[in-house]
Amino acid sequence: MIILIFFVLGLIIGSFLNVVVCRLELAESILGRSRCPHCKVLIRWYDNIPLLSFILLKARCRNCQGKISWQYPLVELATGIIFALVGYYFFIAADIQSWAETLFYLVSFSLLITVFFYDLKLMEIPMIILWIGVIWAVSYLVFLDWASFNSVNGLLFSKIISGIIGGGAAFLFFFALSYLSKEKWMGAGDAYVALWAGLIMGWPKILLALMLAFTVGAICGIILIALKKKTIKSQIPFAPFLAGGVILAVFLEKVLPQVEYWYSVFK
């Protein structure tokens, strides 16, 4: 039941993230009802139900029959699945600390999904979303250290220091790639996404996220070249892989111990 609640919540938030991506592109306010991008007619509430409306309308506007982008259901479904996984792995109703951790990941992943699809669509980092994410991550780490400060270990082993080291190392690595290649290998904006990723993951967990990002990025690049959609010299946005790497790494931390347990049981 909890998983279903989180999934439905994710569908709703995913619908809102679509609005954010589109309105940021057009430099419009995120407030106000949605309109069809083709005929500009206000979208009725029953035509704005996540996933369901897209299916019932057969991917077309009820008013002008203009095509509805596949971006909308993909963002909604991806957000729903990710929210369901967060609810499954992190949320414990009787544990108030899990509420804070769950909220942190729900907000962080929502922002990462926004960056994922915005950069994929426009090859540009929405810096306002990025800095909101950075501030959110720092605030959470400071809260964690305040709530569970251990005078024996001191500041050196705090979450905020781990985040700063992880974020700083990732930022310097990507900034060096961008500077040395004059932004041919990596964009300068990717360095700031890496900084944010490091704050979320901390040190040394950021290494897993980066490994996943480069691995998935390389596989996707090879596939696109094989399909002749891209060439070896084509630019591919890397922020989506960074965002995906962070999300995958967070869940892998939860999945791997379970896999090891069942492997030992059936060994």
Protein backbone atom coordinates (compact mmCIF):
# COMPACT_ATOMS: atom_id res chain seq x y z
CA MET A 1 0.00 0.00 0.00
CA ILE A 2 2.85 2.37 0.91
CA ILE A 3 4.54 1.66 -2.42
CA LEU A 4 1.31 2.43 -4.30
CA ILE A 5 0.90 5.72 -2.43
CA PHE A 6 4.45 6.75 -3.30
CA PHE A 7 3.96 5.67 -6.92
CA VAL A 8 0.81 7.79 -7.32
CA LEU A 9 2.53 10.71 -5.59
CA GLY A 10 5.41 10.29 -8.03
CA LEU A 11 3.03 10.41 -11.01
CA ILE A 12 1.58 13.68 -9.72
CA ILE A 13 4.99 15.21 -9.05
CA GLY A 14 6.19 13.95 -12.43
CA SER A 15 3.34 15.84 -14.08
CA PHE A 16 4.46 18.98 -12.24
CA LEU A 17 8.10 18.41 -13.29
CA ASN A 18 6.94 18.38 -16.91
CA VAL A 19 5.46 21.82 -16.32
CA VAL A 20 8.73 23.00 -14.76
CA VAL A 21 10.81 21.75 -17.71
CA CYS A 22 8.51 23.36 -20.28
CA ARG A 23 8.07 26.66 -18.44
CA LEU A 24 11.81 27.01 -17.79
CA GLU A 25 12.42 26.50 -21.50
CA LEU A 26 9.93 29.25 -22.34
CA ALA A 27 11.02 31.46 -19.41
CA GLU A 28 7.45 31.46 -18.06
CA SER A 29 6.08 31.25 -14.53
CA ILE A 30 5.40 27.75 -13.24
CA LEU A 31 2.12 29.03 -11.79
CA GLY A 32 -1.11 28.84 -13.72
CA ARG A 33 -2.94 26.13 -15.67
CA SER A 34 -1.31 24.24 -18.52
CA ARG A 35 -2.09 24.97 -22.16
CA CYS A 36 -1.71 22.93 -25.31
CA PRO A 37 1.61 23.97 -26.91
CA HIS A 38 -0.05 23.84 -30.35
CA CYS A 39 -3.45 25.58 -30.03
CA LYS A 40 -2.80 27.33 -26.67
CA VAL A 41 -6.18 26.21 -25.31
CA LEU A 42 -6.34 25.54 -21.56
CA ILE A 43 -6.08 21.82 -20.81
CA ARG A 44 -9.13 20.44 -18.98
CA TRP A 45 -8.47 18.82 -15.60
CA TYR A 46 -9.61 15.40 -16.83
CA ASP A 47 -7.16 15.65 -19.73
CA ASN A 48 -4.32 16.32 -17.31
CA ILE A 49 -4.38 13.08 -15.30
CA PRO A 50 -0.84 11.61 -15.25
CA LEU A 51 -0.32 8.71 -17.68
CA LEU A 52 -4.05 7.95 -17.99
CA SER A 53 -4.95 11.04 -20.03
CA PHE A 54 -2.06 10.41 -22.44
CA ILE A 55 -3.33 6.88 -23.08
CA LEU A 56 -7.03 7.84 -23.38
CA LEU A 57 -6.28 10.76 -25.70
CA LYS A 58 -3.97 8.55 -27.80
CA ALA A 59 -1.15 11.10 -27.46
CA ARG A 60 -3.16 13.90 -29.10
CA CYS A 61 -4.75 17.14 -27.92
CA ARG A 62 -8.52 16.84 -27.58
CA ASN A 63 -9.01 20.28 -29.11
CA CYS A 64 -6.60 20.50 -32.08
CA GLN A 65 -5.37 16.89 -32.40
CA GLY A 66 -1.79 18.10 -32.07
CA LYS A 67 0.65 15.41 -30.93
CA ILE A 68 1.49 15.20 -27.23
CA SER A 69 5.20 14.64 -26.62
CA TRP A 70 6.30 11.29 -25.18
CA GLN A 71 8.30 13.33 -22.69
CA TYR A 72 5.16 13.75 -20.55
CA PRO A 73 4.35 10.11 -19.80
CA LEU A 74 8.04 9.18 -19.57
CA VAL A 75 8.74 11.80 -16.90
CA GLU A 76 5.58 10.83 -15.01
CA LEU A 77 6.31 7.09 -15.12
CA ALA A 78 9.99 7.50 -14.23
CA THR A 79 9.14 9.74 -11.28
CA GLY A 80 6.43 7.32 -10.12
CA ILE A 81 8.81 4.35 -10.19
CA ILE A 82 11.59 6.26 -8.44
CA PHE A 83 9.22 7.53 -5.74
CA ALA A 84 7.93 3.97 -5.21
CA LEU A 85 11.50 2.72 -4.76
CA VAL A 86 12.27 5.51 -2.29
CA GLY A 87 9.16 4.59 -0.31
CA TYR A 88 10.12 0.91 -0.34
CA TYR A 89 13.76 1.29 0.67
CA PHE A 90 13.74 4.36 2.92
CA PHE A 91 10.33 5.03 4.43
CA ILE A 92 9.39 3.50 7.78
CA ALA A 93 6.19 4.96 9.21
CA ALA A 94 7.24 4.37 12.83
CA ASP A 95 10.71 5.91 12.36
CA ILE A 96 10.62 9.71 12.24
CA GLN A 97 14.25 9.84 11.05
CA SER A 98 13.28 7.86 7.94
CA TRP A 99 10.72 10.57 7.14
CA ALA A 100 13.51 13.15 6.86
CA GLU A 101 15.67 10.83 4.73
CA THR A 102 12.72 9.98 2.50
CA LEU A 103 11.86 13.65 2.00
CA PHE A 104 15.49 14.42 1.18
CA TYR A 105 15.64 11.81 -1.55
CA LEU A 106 12.19 12.64 -2.95
CA VAL A 107 13.12 16.30 -3.38
CA SER A 108 16.67 15.57 -4.58
CA PHE A 109 15.52 13.00 -7.13
CA SER A 110 12.74 15.30 -8.37
CA LEU A 111 15.30 18.02 -9.03
CA LEU A 112 17.68 15.52 -10.66
CA ILE A 113 14.88 14.28 -12.94
CA THR A 114 14.20 17.89 -13.98
CA VAL A 115 17.88 18.41 -14.84
CA PHE A 116 17.93 15.02 -16.62
CA PHE A 117 15.14 15.83 -19.06
CA TYR A 118 15.93 19.53 -19.45
CA ASP A 119 19.56 18.87 -20.43
CA LEU A 120 18.53 15.92 -22.61
CA LYS A 121 16.11 18.16 -24.47
CA LEU A 122 18.07 21.42 -24.69
CA MET A 123 21.70 20.45 -23.88
CA GLU A 124 21.68 23.11 -21.17
CA ILE A 125 21.77 22.94 -17.37
CA PRO A 126 18.88 24.76 -15.63
CA MET A 127 21.11 26.52 -13.10
CA ILE A 128 18.26 27.64 -10.85
CA ILE A 129 17.25 23.99 -10.33
CA LEU A 130 20.88 23.02 -9.74
CA TRP A 131 21.46 25.65 -7.05
CA ILE A 132 18.18 24.77 -5.35
CA GLY A 133 19.48 21.20 -5.25
CA VAL A 134 22.84 22.29 -3.81
CA ILE A 135 21.19 24.38 -1.09
CA TRP A 136 18.77 21.52 -0.31
CA ALA A 137 21.65 19.01 0.00
CA VAL A 138 23.76 21.27 2.21
CA SER A 139 20.79 22.07 4.44
CA TYR A 140 20.01 18.37 4.90
CA LEU A 141 23.63 17.48 5.71
CA VAL A 142 23.83 20.27 8.27
CA PHE A 143 20.56 19.07 9.80
CA LEU A 144 21.87 15.50 10.01
CA ASP A 145 25.05 16.63 11.73
CA TRP A 146 23.08 18.79 14.15
CA ALA A 147 20.66 15.95 14.96
CA SER A 148 23.32 13.29 15.47
CA PHE A 149 26.52 15.12 16.39
CA ASN A 150 29.11 12.89 18.05
CA SER A 151 31.67 14.82 20.09
CA VAL A 152 34.03 11.81 20.02
CA ASN A 153 34.34 11.69 16.23
CA GLY A 154 33.99 15.46 15.87
CA LEU A 155 33.56 17.54 12.74
CA LEU A 156 36.06 15.53 10.70
CA PHE A 157 33.63 12.61 10.34
CA SER A 158 30.52 14.72 9.81
CA LYS A 159 28.17 14.37 6.85
CA ILE A 160 28.82 17.91 5.66
CA ILE A 161 32.58 17.31 5.47
CA SER A 162 31.99 14.06 3.58
CA GLY A 163 29.70 15.93 1.17
CA ILE A 164 32.19 18.77 0.69
CA ILE A 165 35.02 16.34 -0.05
CA GLY A 166 32.86 14.31 -2.44
CA GLY A 167 31.46 17.39 -4.16
CA GLY A 168 34.81 19.16 -4.30
CA ALA A 169 36.62 16.15 -5.78
CA ALA A 170 33.91 15.59 -8.41
CA PHE A 171 33.81 19.30 -9.29
CA LEU A 172 37.58 19.58 -9.73
CA PHE A 173 37.68 16.45 -11.91
CA PHE A 174 34.93 17.66 -14.26
CA PHE A 175 36.19 21.25 -14.26
CA ALA A 176 39.63 19.98 -15.32
CA LEU A 177 38.08 17.96 -18.17
CA SER A 178 36.10 21.00 -19.28
CA TYR A 179 39.04 23.42 -19.04
CA LEU A 180 41.64 21.19 -20.71
CA SER A 181 39.32 20.29 -23.60
CA LYS A 182 37.86 23.80 -23.94
CA GLU A 183 34.44 22.22 -23.24
CA LYS A 184 34.76 19.64 -26.03
CA TRP A 185 34.88 16.64 -23.65
CA MET A 186 32.68 18.07 -20.92
CA GLY A 187 30.63 21.23 -20.42
CA ALA A 188 31.40 23.61 -17.56
CA GLY A 189 27.84 23.14 -16.28
CA ASP A 190 28.52 19.44 -15.77
CA ALA A 191 31.13 20.33 -13.14
CA TYR A 192 28.43 22.00 -11.04
CA VAL A 193 26.12 19.00 -11.44
CA ALA A 194 29.05 16.84 -10.25
CA LEU A 195 29.46 19.13 -7.22
CA TRP A 196 25.79 18.62 -6.38
CA ALA A 197 26.10 14.85 -6.92
CA GLY A 198 29.05 14.76 -4.52
CA LEU A 199 27.07 16.56 -1.84
CA ILE A 200 24.26 14.02 -2.16
CA MET A 201 26.51 10.96 -2.17
CA GLY A 202 29.42 12.06 0.01
CA TRP A 203 32.91 10.58 -0.08
CA PRO A 204 33.74 7.91 -1.24
CA LYS A 205 30.24 6.95 -2.43
CA ILE A 206 30.43 9.58 -5.18
CA LEU A 207 32.93 7.30 -6.94
CA LEU A 208 30.22 4.67 -7.50
CA ALA A 209 27.85 7.29 -8.93
CA LEU A 210 30.54 8.58 -11.31
CA MET A 211 31.47 5.06 -12.39
CA LEU A 212 27.83 4.32 -13.20
CA ALA A 213 27.45 7.64 -15.04
CA PHE A 214 30.49 7.03 -17.27
CA THR A 215 29.58 3.37 -17.86
CA VAL A 216 25.99 4.07 -18.88
CA GLY A 217 27.11 7.11 -20.87
CA ALA A 218 29.65 5.06 -22.80
CA ILE A 219 27.11 2.31 -23.54
CA CYS A 220 24.51 4.82 -24.76
CA GLY A 221 27.14 6.58 -26.89
CA ILE A 222 28.17 3.33 -28.55
CA ILE A 223 24.53 2.42 -29.25
CA LEU A 224 23.78 5.86 -30.77
CA ILE A 225 26.87 5.64 -32.98
CA ALA A 226 25.95 2.08 -34.05
CA LEU A 227 22.45 3.29 -34.96
CA LYS A 228 24.03 6.24 -36.82
CA LYS A 229 22.12 8.71 -34.65
CA LYS A 230 25.42 10.27 -33.55
CA THR A 231 29.02 10.31 -34.74
CA ILE A 232 32.23 10.02 -32.74
CA LYS A 233 32.50 13.83 -32.81
CA SER A 234 28.89 14.50 -31.73
CA GLN A 235 28.24 16.16 -28.40
CA ILE A 236 26.07 14.23 -25.96
CA PRO A 237 24.72 15.89 -22.79
CA PHE A 238 26.35 14.30 -19.75
CA ALA A 239 24.21 15.75 -16.95
CA PRO A 240 21.48 13.12 -17.54
CA PHE A 241 24.05 10.38 -16.93
CA LEU A 242 25.29 12.12 -13.78
CA ALA A 243 21.73 12.45 -12.49
CA GLY A 244 20.98 8.83 -13.37
CA GLY A 245 24.25 7.69 -11.82
CA VAL A 246 23.37 9.27 -8.48
CA ILE A 247 19.88 7.73 -8.43
CA LEU A 248 21.21 4.29 -9.42
CA ALA A 249 24.01 4.46 -6.84
CA VAL A 250 21.61 5.33 -4.01
CA PHE A 251 19.40 2.33 -4.78
CA LEU A 252 22.32 -0.03 -5.43
CA GLU A 253 23.51 0.62 -1.89
CA LYS A 254 20.21 -0.82 -0.71
CA VAL A 255 19.94 -3.63 -3.26
CA LEU A 256 23.46 -5.12 -3.08
CA PRO A 257 23.29 -6.22 0.59
CA GLN A 258 20.02 -8.05 -0.18
CA VAL A 259 21.58 -9.74 -3.21
CA GLU A 260 24.57 -10.84 -1.11
CA TYR A 261 22.22 -12.19 1.57
CA TRP A 262 20.19 -14.33 -0.83
CA TYR A 263 23.38 -15.47 -2.56
CA SER A 264 24.70 -16.73 0.79
CA VAL A 265 21.38 -18.46 1.52
CA PHE A 266 21.34 -20.39 -1.76
CA LYS A 267 25.10 -20.91 -1.99
